[in-house]
Each structure stands twice: as C-alpha cells, then as structure tokens.
C-alpha cells in the first residue's frame, strides 16, 4: 500500500510541476510577444 501511495504522490507531484512549467512558459510567451508588438509599433 505504501509503495502504491508513494507512486501516486510522485505522479501527482510531476503533474503539478508540469502544469506549473506550462503556466510559467505561457506567461513568459504572452509577456515576450506583447513586448515584441510594442516594439513593432515604434
């Protein structure tokens, strides 16, 4: 049981990290491309 619980906690941890990474990349992407659009206006 503890082996299964350990595996489940590892999977949940990886999913949370993966979602966090995608969230950060998405935020950086929006910020970066918004800056590029501002530069193009000039």
Protein backbone atom coordinates (compact mmCIF):
# COMPACT_ATOMS: atom_id res chain seq x y z
CA UNK A 1 0.00 0.00 0.00
CA UNK A 2 2.79 2.43 0.91
CA UNK A 3 4.53 1.60 -2.42
CA UNK A 4 1.35 2.49 -4.33
CA UNK A 5 0.81 5.66 -2.28
CA UNK A 6 4.42 6.68 -2.96
CA UNK A 7 3.99 6.18 -6.71
CA UNK A 8 0.71 8.14 -6.73
CA UNK A 9 2.32 11.03 -4.81
CA UNK A 10 5.24 11.07 -7.29
CA UNK A 11 2.82 11.15 -10.26
CA UNK A 12 0.76 13.95 -8.68
CA UNK A 13 3.97 15.89 -7.94
CA UNK A 14 5.16 15.53 -11.55
CA UNK A 15 1.77 16.63 -12.90
CA UNK A 16 1.77 19.71 -10.64
CA UNK A 17 5.35 20.57 -11.69
CA UNK A 18 4.47 20.04 -15.38
CA UNK A 19 1.38 22.29 -15.06
CA UNK A 20 3.49 24.88 -13.26
CA UNK A 21 6.12 24.81 -16.04
CA UNK A 22 3.44 25.25 -18.73
CA UNK A 23 1.84 28.08 -16.75
CA UNK A 24 5.19 29.90 -16.49
CA UNK A 25 6.00 29.32 -20.19
CA UNK A 26 2.56 30.64 -21.19
CA UNK A 27 3.03 33.76 -19.04
CA UNK A 28 6.53 34.36 -20.48
CA UNK A 29 5.20 33.81 -24.01
CA UNK A 30 2.43 36.43 -23.58
CA UNK A 31 4.81 38.91 -21.90
CA UNK A 32 7.52 38.42 -24.56
CA UNK A 33 5.19 38.68 -27.56
CA UNK A 34 3.37 41.69 -26.07
CA UNK A 35 6.80 43.38 -25.82
CA UNK A 36 7.56 42.50 -29.45
CA UNK A 37 4.26 44.05 -30.58
CA UNK A 38 5.05 47.25 -28.63
CA UNK A 39 8.49 47.40 -30.33
CA UNK A 40 6.87 46.94 -33.78
CA UNK A 41 4.53 49.90 -33.10
CA UNK A 42 7.58 52.14 -32.68
